[in-house]
PDB file of N, CA and C in Angstrom:
ATOM      1  N   MET A   1       2.078 -13.136   5.672  1.00  0.00           N
ATOM      2  CA  MET A   1       2.807 -12.352   5.523  1.00  0.00           C
ATOM      3  C   MET A   1       2.480 -10.612   5.995  1.00  0.00           C
ATOM      4  N   THR A   2       1.056 -10.632   6.774  1.00  0.00           N
ATOM      5  CA  THR A   2       1.441  -9.055   7.178  1.00  0.00           C
ATOM      6  C   THR A   2       2.382  -8.844   8.592  1.00  0.00           C
ATOM      7  N   GLU A   3       2.404  -9.889   8.781  1.00  0.00           N
ATOM      8  CA  GLU A   3       3.793  -9.157  10.068  1.00  0.00           C
ATOM      9  C   GLU A   3       5.066  -8.770   9.185  1.00  0.00           C
ATOM     10  N   ARG A   4       5.448  -9.352   8.698  1.00  0.00           N
ATOM     11  CA  ARG A   4       6.677  -9.079   6.864  1.00  0.00           C
ATOM     12  C   ARG A   4       6.431  -8.067   6.296  1.00  0.00           C
ATOM     13  N   LEU A   5       5.718  -7.691   6.054  1.00  0.00           N
ATOM     14  CA  LEU A   5       5.060  -6.190   6.159  1.00  0.00           C
ATOM     15  C   LEU A   5       4.816  -5.058   6.565  1.00  0.00           C
ATOM     16  N   TYR A   6       4.076  -5.366   7.645  1.00  0.00           N
ATOM     17  CA  TYR A   6       4.488  -4.508   8.392  1.00  0.00           C
ATOM     18  C   TYR A   6       5.766  -3.761   8.748  1.00  0.00           C
ATOM     19  N   GLU A   7       6.890  -4.712   9.301  1.00  0.00           N
ATOM     20  CA  GLU A   7       8.140  -4.680   9.201  1.00  0.00           C
ATOM     21  C   GLU A   7       8.385  -4.067   7.893  1.00  0.00           C
ATOM     22  N   LEU A   8       8.489  -4.680   6.731  1.00  0.00           N
ATOM     23  CA  LEU A   8       9.122  -3.956   5.818  1.00  0.00           C
ATOM     24  C   LEU A   8       8.986  -2.502   5.744  1.00  0.00           C
ATOM     25  N   VAL A   9       7.598  -2.198   5.719  1.00  0.00           N
ATOM     26  CA  VAL A   9       7.346  -0.731   5.263  1.00  0.00           C
ATOM     27  C   VAL A   9       8.034   0.252   6.392  1.00  0.00           C
ATOM     28  N   LYS A  10       8.342  -0.324   7.626  1.00  0.00           N
ATOM     29  CA  LYS A  10       9.002   0.393   8.411  1.00  0.00           C
ATOM     30  C   LYS A  10      10.455   0.547   7.986  1.00  0.00           C
ATOM     31  N   GLN A  11      10.644  -1.012   7.682  1.00  0.00           N
ATOM     32  CA  GLN A  11      11.813  -0.302   7.506  1.00  0.00           C
ATOM     33  C   GLN A  11      12.213   0.426   5.808  1.00  0.00           C
ATOM     34  N   SER A  12      11.574   0.875   5.058  1.00  0.00           N
ATOM     35  CA  SER A  12      11.218   1.120   3.939  1.00  0.00           C
ATOM     36  C   SER A  12      11.651   2.338   3.565  1.00  0.00           C
ATOM     37  N   LYS A  13      11.185   3.026   4.597  1.00  0.00           N
ATOM     38  CA  LYS A  13      11.645   4.678   5.025  1.00  0.00           C
ATOM     39  C   LYS A  13      13.280   4.720   5.209  1.00  0.00           C
ATOM     40  N   ASN A  14      14.043   4.182   5.368  1.00  0.00           N
ATOM     41  CA  ASN A  14      15.601   4.120   5.414  1.00  0.00           C
ATOM     42  C   ASN A  14      16.249   2.874   4.597  1.00  0.00           C
ATOM     43  N   SER A  15      15.163   2.345   3.668  1.00  0.00           N
ATOM     44  CA  SER A  15      15.972   1.342   3.030  1.00  0.00           C
ATOM     45  C   SER A  15      15.188   0.876   1.679  1.00  0.00           C
ATOM     46  N   THR A  16      15.851   0.826   0.476  1.00  0.00           N
ATOM     47  CA  THR A  16      15.475   0.740  -0.917  1.00  0.00           C
ATOM     48  C   THR A  16      15.196  -0.743  -0.808  1.00  0.00           C
ATOM     49  N   ILE A  17      15.849  -1.915  -0.017  1.00  0.00           N
ATOM     50  CA  ILE A  17      15.952  -3.086   0.132  1.00  0.00           C
ATOM     51  C   ILE A  17      14.514  -3.150   0.355  1.00  0.00           C
ATOM     52  N   ALA A  18      14.321  -3.121   1.080  1.00  0.00           N
ATOM     53  CA  ALA A  18      12.721  -2.983   1.973  1.00  0.00           C
ATOM     54  C   ALA A  18      11.270  -2.819   0.843  1.00  0.00           C
ATOM     55  N   LEU A  19      11.648  -0.952   0.299  1.00  0.00           N
ATOM     56  CA  LEU A  19      10.715  -0.875  -0.322  1.00  0.00           C
ATOM     57  C   LEU A  19      10.353  -2.049  -1.852  1.00  0.00           C
ATOM     58  N   GLU A  20      11.814  -2.219  -2.470  1.00  0.00           N
ATOM     59  CA  GLU A  20      11.754  -3.087  -3.582  1.00  0.00           C
ATOM     60  C   GLU A  20      11.088  -4.534  -3.256  1.00  0.00           C
ATOM     61  N   ALA A  21      11.567  -5.120  -1.674  1.00  0.00           N
ATOM     62  CA  ALA A  21      10.580  -6.487  -1.224  1.00  0.00           C
ATOM     63  C   ALA A  21       9.152  -6.417  -1.241  1.00  0.00           C
ATOM     64  N   ILE A  22       8.601  -5.264  -1.103  1.00  0.00           N
ATOM     65  CA  ILE A  22       7.229  -4.747  -0.982  1.00  0.00           C
ATOM     66  C   ILE A  22       6.267  -5.280  -2.538  1.00  0.00           C
ATOM     67  N   VAL A  23       7.784  -4.048  -2.897  1.00  0.00           N
ATOM     68  CA  VAL A  23       7.000  -4.387  -4.370  1.00  0.00           C
ATOM     69  C   VAL A  23       6.739  -5.802  -5.396  1.00  0.00           C
ATOM     70  N   GLN A  24       7.559  -6.449  -4.907  1.00  0.00           N
ATOM     71  CA  GLN A  24       7.817  -7.533  -4.967  1.00  0.00           C
ATOM     72  C   GLN A  24       7.168  -8.434  -4.509  1.00  0.00           C
ATOM     73  N   GLN A  25       6.685  -7.648  -3.419  1.00  0.00           N
ATOM     74  CA  GLN A  25       5.542  -8.764  -3.087  1.00  0.00           C
ATOM     75  C   GLN A  25       3.675  -8.515  -3.138  1.00  0.00           C
ATOM     76  N   PHE A  26       3.426  -7.327  -4.016  1.00  0.00           N
ATOM     77  CA  PHE A  26       2.197  -7.269  -4.750  1.00  0.00           C
ATOM     78  C   PHE A  26       2.545  -7.737  -6.250  1.00  0.00           C
ATOM     79  N   ALA A  27       3.827  -8.048  -6.574  1.00  0.00           N
ATOM     80  CA  ALA A  27       3.849  -8.338  -7.930  1.00  0.00           C
ATOM     81  C   ALA A  27       3.099  -9.093  -8.817  1.00  0.00           C
ATOM     82  N   PRO A  28       2.468  -9.660  -7.891  1.00  0.00           N
ATOM     83  CA  PRO A  28       1.891 -10.622  -8.861  1.00  0.00           C
ATOM     84  C   PRO A  28       0.174 -10.221  -8.808  1.00  0.00           C
ATOM     85  N   LYS A  29      -0.181  -9.726  -7.633  1.00  0.00           N
ATOM     86  CA  LYS A  29      -1.650  -9.071  -7.623  1.00  0.00           C
ATOM     87  C   LYS A  29      -1.740  -8.042  -8.889  1.00  0.00           C
ATOM     88  N   ILE A  30      -0.691  -7.655  -9.074  1.00  0.00           N
ATOM     89  CA  ILE A  30      -0.327  -6.100 -10.618  1.00  0.00           C
ATOM     90  C   ILE A  30      -0.895  -7.301 -11.761  1.00  0.00           C
ATOM     91  N   ASN A  31       0.339  -8.228 -11.986  1.00  0.00           N
ATOM     92  CA  ASN A  31      -0.254  -8.897 -12.957  1.00  0.00           C
ATOM     93  C   ASN A  31      -1.010  -8.974 -12.879  1.00  0.00           C
ATOM     94  N   LYS A  32      -1.360  -9.695 -12.116  1.00  0.00           N
ATOM     95  CA  LYS A  32      -3.196 -10.559 -12.301  1.00  0.00           C
ATOM     96  C   LYS A  32      -4.233  -9.107 -12.514  1.00  0.00           C
ATOM     97  N   LEU A  33      -4.036  -8.012 -12.355  1.00  0.00           N
ATOM     98  CA  LEU A  33      -4.938  -7.336 -13.049  1.00  0.00           C
ATOM     99  C   LEU A  33      -4.493  -6.871 -14.228  1.00  0.00           C
ATOM    100  N   LEU A  34      -3.219  -6.805 -14.462  1.00  0.00           N
ATOM    101  CA  LEU A  34      -2.926  -5.885 -15.880  1.00  0.00           C
ATOM    102  C   LEU A  34      -3.590  -7.362 -17.122  1.00  0.00           C
ATOM    103  N   TYR A  35      -3.858  -8.510 -16.878  1.00  0.00           N
ATOM    104  CA  TYR A  35      -4.204  -9.203 -17.214  1.00  0.00           C
ATOM    105  C   TYR A  35      -5.985  -8.772 -18.011  1.00  0.00           C
ATOM    106  N   MET A  36      -6.451  -7.857 -17.406  1.00  0.00           N
ATOM    107  CA  MET A  36      -7.999  -7.440 -17.494  1.00  0.00           C
ATOM    108  C   MET A  36      -7.652  -6.639 -18.084  1.00  0.00           C
ATOM    109  N   THR A  37      -6.780  -5.967 -18.663  1.00  0.00           N
ATOM    110  CA  THR A  37      -6.009  -4.588 -19.813  1.00  0.00           C
ATOM    111  C   THR A  37      -5.792  -4.584 -21.067  1.00  0.00           C
ATOM    112  N   ASN A  38      -5.783  -3.620 -22.098  1.00  0.00           N
ATOM    113  CA  ASN A  38      -5.682  -3.659 -22.881  1.00  0.00           C
ATOM    114  C   ASN A  38      -3.704  -4.071 -23.081  1.00  0.00           C
ATOM    115  N   LEU A  39      -3.675  -5.246 -24.054  1.00  0.00           N
ATOM    116  CA  LEU A  39      -2.159  -5.564 -24.304  1.00  0.00           C
ATOM    117  C   LEU A  39      -1.174  -4.436 -24.436  1.00  0.00           C
ATOM    118  N   ASN A  40      -1.440  -3.012 -25.308  1.00  0.00           N
ATOM    119  CA  ASN A  40      -0.720  -2.654 -25.691  1.00  0.00           C
ATOM    120  C   ASN A  40      -0.332  -1.443 -24.438  1.00  0.00           C
ATOM    121  N   ASP A  41      -1.180  -1.448 -23.093  1.00  0.00           N
ATOM    122  CA  ASP A  41      -1.220  -0.224 -22.092  1.00  0.00           C
ATOM    123  C   ASP A  41      -0.611  -0.880 -20.820  1.00  0.00           C
ATOM    124  N   ARG A  42      -0.305  -2.274 -21.094  1.00  0.00           N
ATOM    125  CA  ARG A  42       0.209  -3.589 -19.938  1.00  0.00           C
ATOM    126  C   ARG A  42       1.200  -2.611 -19.044  1.00  0.00           C
ATOM    127  N   LYS A  43       2.304  -2.604 -20.147  1.00  0.00           N
ATOM    128  CA  LYS A  43       4.153  -2.268 -19.093  1.00  0.00           C
ATOM    129  C   LYS A  43       3.559  -0.385 -18.545  1.00  0.00           C
ATOM    130  N   ASP A  44       2.516   0.408 -19.299  1.00  0.00           N
ATOM    131  CA  ASP A  44       3.220   2.060 -19.092  1.00  0.00           C
ATOM    132  C   ASP A  44       1.891   1.753 -17.638  1.00  0.00           C
ATOM    133  N   LEU A  45       1.209   0.819 -17.927  1.00  0.00           N
ATOM    134  CA  LEU A  45       0.389   0.416 -16.602  1.00  0.00           C
ATOM    135  C   LEU A  45       0.677  -0.053 -15.531  1.00  0.00           C
ATOM    136  N   GLU A  46       1.794  -1.002 -15.760  1.00  0.00           N
ATOM    137  CA  GLU A  46       2.565  -1.726 -14.350  1.00  0.00           C
ATOM    138  C   GLU A  46       3.122  -0.932 -13.812  1.00  0.00           C
ATOM    139  N   GLN A  47       4.037   0.252 -14.507  1.00  0.00           N
ATOM    140  CA  GLN A  47       4.934   1.091 -13.916  1.00  0.00           C
ATOM    141  C   GLN A  47       4.376   2.232 -13.210  1.00  0.00           C
ATOM    142  N   GLU A  48       2.930   2.599 -13.870  1.00  0.00           N
ATOM    143  CA  GLU A  48       2.192   3.854 -13.085  1.00  0.00           C
ATOM    144  C   GLU A  48       1.520   3.084 -12.022  1.00  0.00           C
ATOM    145  N   LEU A  49       1.286   1.868 -11.698  1.00  0.00           N
ATOM    146  CA  LEU A  49       0.820   0.993 -10.341  1.00  0.00           C
ATOM    147  C   LEU A  49       1.889   1.030  -9.448  1.00  0.00           C
ATOM    148  N   LYS A  50       3.073   0.524  -9.502  1.00  0.00           N
ATOM    149  CA  LYS A  50       4.379   0.554  -9.089  1.00  0.00           C
ATOM    150  C   LYS A  50       4.435   1.880  -9.050  1.00  0.00           C
ATOM    151  N   ILE A  51       4.984   2.790  -9.140  1.00  0.00           N
ATOM    152  CA  ILE A  51       5.297   3.859  -8.786  1.00  0.00           C
ATOM    153  C   ILE A  51       3.898   4.829  -7.378  1.00  0.00           C
ATOM    154  N   LYS A  52       2.859   4.498  -8.111  1.00  0.00           N
ATOM    155  CA  LYS A  52       1.351   4.475  -6.466  1.00  0.00           C
ATOM    156  C   LYS A  52       1.910   3.850  -5.943  1.00  0.00           C
ATOM    157  N   LEU A  53       2.468   2.716  -5.580  1.00  0.00           N
ATOM    158  CA  LEU A  53       2.300   1.966  -4.662  1.00  0.00           C
ATOM    159  C   LEU A  53       3.685   2.564  -3.827  1.00  0.00           C
ATOM    160  N   ILE A  54       4.270   3.021  -4.827  1.00  0.00           N
ATOM    161  CA  ILE A  54       5.766   3.675  -3.693  1.00  0.00           C
ATOM    162  C   ILE A  54       5.229   4.293  -2.977  1.00  0.00           C
ATOM    163  N   GLU A  55       4.932   5.653  -4.017  1.00  0.00           N
ATOM    164  CA  GLU A  55       4.262   6.998  -3.571  1.00  0.00           C
ATOM    165  C   GLU A  55       3.504   6.422  -1.869  1.00  0.00           C
ATOM    166  N   HIS A  56       2.763   5.771  -1.893  1.00  0.00           N
ATOM    167  CA  HIS A  56       1.409   4.764  -1.030  1.00  0.00           C
ATOM    168  C   HIS A  56       2.781   5.008   0.091  1.00  0.00           C
ATOM    169  N   ILE A  57       3.704   3.893   0.034  1.00  0.00           N
ATOM    170  CA  ILE A  57       4.325   3.342   1.172  1.00  0.00           C
ATOM    171  C   ILE A  57       4.902   4.246   1.362  1.00  0.00           C
ATOM    172  N   THR A  58       6.118   5.426   0.687  1.00  0.00           N
ATOM    173  CA  THR A  58       6.836   6.419   1.461  1.00  0.00           C
ATOM    174  C   THR A  58       6.102   8.145   2.437  1.00  0.00           C
ATOM    175  N   LYS A  59       4.628   7.521   1.802  1.00  0.00           N
ATOM    176  CA  LYS A  59       4.046   8.833   2.426  1.00  0.00           C
ATOM    177  C   LYS A  59       3.265   7.997   3.919  1.00  0.00           C
ATOM    178  N   TYR A  60       2.949   7.087   3.893  1.00  0.00           N
ATOM    179  CA  TYR A  60       2.365   6.605   4.882  1.00  0.00           C
ATOM    180  C   TYR A  60       2.997   6.388   5.709  1.00  0.00           C
ATOM    181  N   ASP A  61       2.498   6.702   7.668  1.00  0.00           N
ATOM    182  CA  ASP A  61       2.753   7.039   8.597  1.00  0.00           C
ATOM    183  C   ASP A  61       2.711   5.688   9.644  1.00  0.00           C
ATOM    184  N   ILE A  62       3.390   4.901   9.627  1.00  0.00           N
ATOM    185  CA  ILE A  62       2.840   3.505  10.343  1.00  0.00           C
ATOM    186  C   ILE A  62       3.044   3.765  11.646  1.00  0.00           C
ATOM    187  N   ASP A  63       3.167   4.747  12.295  1.00  0.00           N
ATOM    188  CA  ASP A  63       3.026   5.206  13.687  1.00  0.00           C
ATOM    189  C   ASP A  63       1.544   6.090  13.762  1.00  0.00           C
ATOM    190  N   SER A  64       1.192   6.436  13.323  1.00  0.00           N
ATOM    191  CA  SER A  64      -0.183   6.995  13.219  1.00  0.00           C
ATOM    192  C   SER A  64      -1.508   6.829  12.694  1.00  0.00           C
ATOM    193  N   VAL A  65      -1.613   5.461  12.956  1.00  0.00           N
ATOM    194  CA  VAL A  65      -2.467   4.334  12.958  1.00  0.00           C
ATOM    195  C   VAL A  65      -3.308   4.453  14.011  1.00  0.00           C
ATOM    196  N   PRO A  66      -4.397   4.437  13.713  1.00  0.00           N
ATOM    197  CA  PRO A  66      -5.608   4.324  15.273  1.00  0.00           C
ATOM    198  C   PRO A  66      -5.666   2.828  15.757  1.00  0.00           C
ATOM    199  N   GLY A  67      -5.743   3.034  16.960  1.00  0.00           N
ATOM    200  CA  GLY A  67      -6.004   1.799  17.337  1.00  0.00           C
ATOM    201  C   GLY A  67      -7.607   1.395  17.283  1.00  0.00           C
ATOM    202  N   PHE A  68      -8.055  -0.083  17.851  1.00  0.00           N
ATOM    203  CA  PHE A  68      -9.520  -0.391  17.796  1.00  0.00           C
ATOM    204  C   PHE A  68     -10.605   0.730  18.298  1.00  0.00           C
ATOM    205  N   TRP A  69     -10.339   1.016  19.770  1.00  0.00           N
ATOM    206  CA  TRP A  69     -11.096   2.005  20.288  1.00  0.00           C
ATOM    207  C   TRP A  69     -11.149   3.236  19.376  1.00  0.00           C
ATOM    208  N   GLU A  70     -10.110   3.796  19.306  1.00  0.00           N
ATOM    209  CA  GLU A  70     -10.116   5.222  18.650  1.00  0.00           C
ATOM    210  C   GLU A  70     -11.160   4.838  16.973  1.00  0.00           C
ATOM    211  N   MET A  71     -10.052   3.991  16.512  1.00  0.00           N
ATOM    212  CA  MET A  71     -11.581   4.137  15.257  1.00  0.00           C
ATOM    213  C   MET A  71     -13.207   3.871  15.388  1.00  0.00           C
ATOM    214  N   LYS A  72     -12.871   3.312  16.418  1.00  0.00           N
ATOM    215  CA  LYS A  72     -14.570   2.730  16.835  1.00  0.00           C
ATOM    216  C   LYS A  72     -15.286   4.631  16.647  1.00  0.00           C
ATOM    217  N   GLU A  73     -14.477   5.465  17.836  1.00  0.00           N
ATOM    218  CA  GLU A  73     -14.435   6.624  18.105  1.00  0.00           C
ATOM    219  C   GLU A  73     -14.802   7.482  16.858  1.00  0.00           C
ATOM    220  N   ASN A  74     -13.751   7.027  16.328  1.00  0.00           N
ATOM    221  CA  ASN A  74     -13.412   8.367  15.192  1.00  0.00           C
ATOM    222  C   ASN A  74     -15.276   7.975  13.941  1.00  0.00           C
ATOM    223  N   ILE A  75     -15.478   6.608  13.683  1.00  0.00           N
ATOM    224  CA  ILE A  75     -16.463   6.014  13.273  1.00  0.00           C
ATOM    225  C   ILE A  75     -17.661   6.564  13.898  1.00  0.00           C
ATOM    226  N   GLN A  76     -18.076   7.171  15.184  1.00  0.00           N
ATOM    227  CA  GLN A  76     -18.918   7.184  15.704  1.00  0.00           C
ATOM    228  C   GLN A  76     -19.378   8.268  15.376  1.00  0.00           C
ATOM    229  N   ARG A  77     -18.871   9.315  15.572  1.00  0.00           N
ATOM    230  CA  ARG A  77     -18.969  10.869  15.513  1.00  0.00           C
ATOM    231  C   ARG A  77     -18.780  11.379  14.318  1.00  0.00           C
ATOM    232  N   LYS A  78     -18.402  10.629  13.270  1.00  0.00           N
ATOM    233  CA  LYS A  78     -18.734  10.855  11.601  1.00  0.00           C
ATOM    234  C   LYS A  78     -20.635  10.120  11.846  1.00  0.00           C
ATOM    235  N   ALA A  79     -20.577   9.437  12.316  1.00  0.00           N
ATOM    236  CA  ALA A  79     -22.386   8.749  12.023  1.00  0.00           C
ATOM    237  C   ALA A  79     -23.139   9.808  12.992  1.00  0.00           C
ATOM    238  N   GLU A  80     -22.431  10.543  13.530  1.00  0.00           N
ATOM    239  CA  GLU A  80     -23.288  11.790  14.167  1.00  0.00           C
ATOM    240  C   GLU A  80     -23.728  12.433  13.380  1.00  0.00           C
ATOM    241  N   LYS A  81     -22.272  12.687  13.120  1.00  0.00           N
ATOM    242  CA  LYS A  81     -22.520  14.900  11.880  1.00  0.00           C
ATOM    243  C   LYS A  81     -23.599  14.102  10.773  1.00  0.00           C
ATOM    244  N   SER A  82     -23.743  13.214  10.512  1.00  0.00           N
ATOM    245  CA  SER A  82     -24.730  12.395   9.089  1.00  0.00           C
ATOM    246  C   SER A  82     -26.188  12.393   9.732  1.00  0.00           C
TER     247      SER A  82
END
C-alpha cells in the first residue's frame, strides 16, 4: 500500500481520480474513528475529515521529503538548540 499511496499522491497533483482513490483507501480508518463519536455528528465529521485529508494531500510536496541523513541532522540541530 505504501508504494501505491506514494504513486497516488504524486498523481493526485494532476488527477482527481488519484485523489479519490486515496480518500477511498483511508475510508475504513475514517469510518472506524467515526464509530467513537456521537451518531448525530458522524456525517458532518466524515465530510470534515475528508476535506482535511484532501487539503493535506494537495498541499503535500512529495519532492521536499528529507532523506534519512538530512532528517537525522535536523533532529540533532533541534536537540542542540534545546
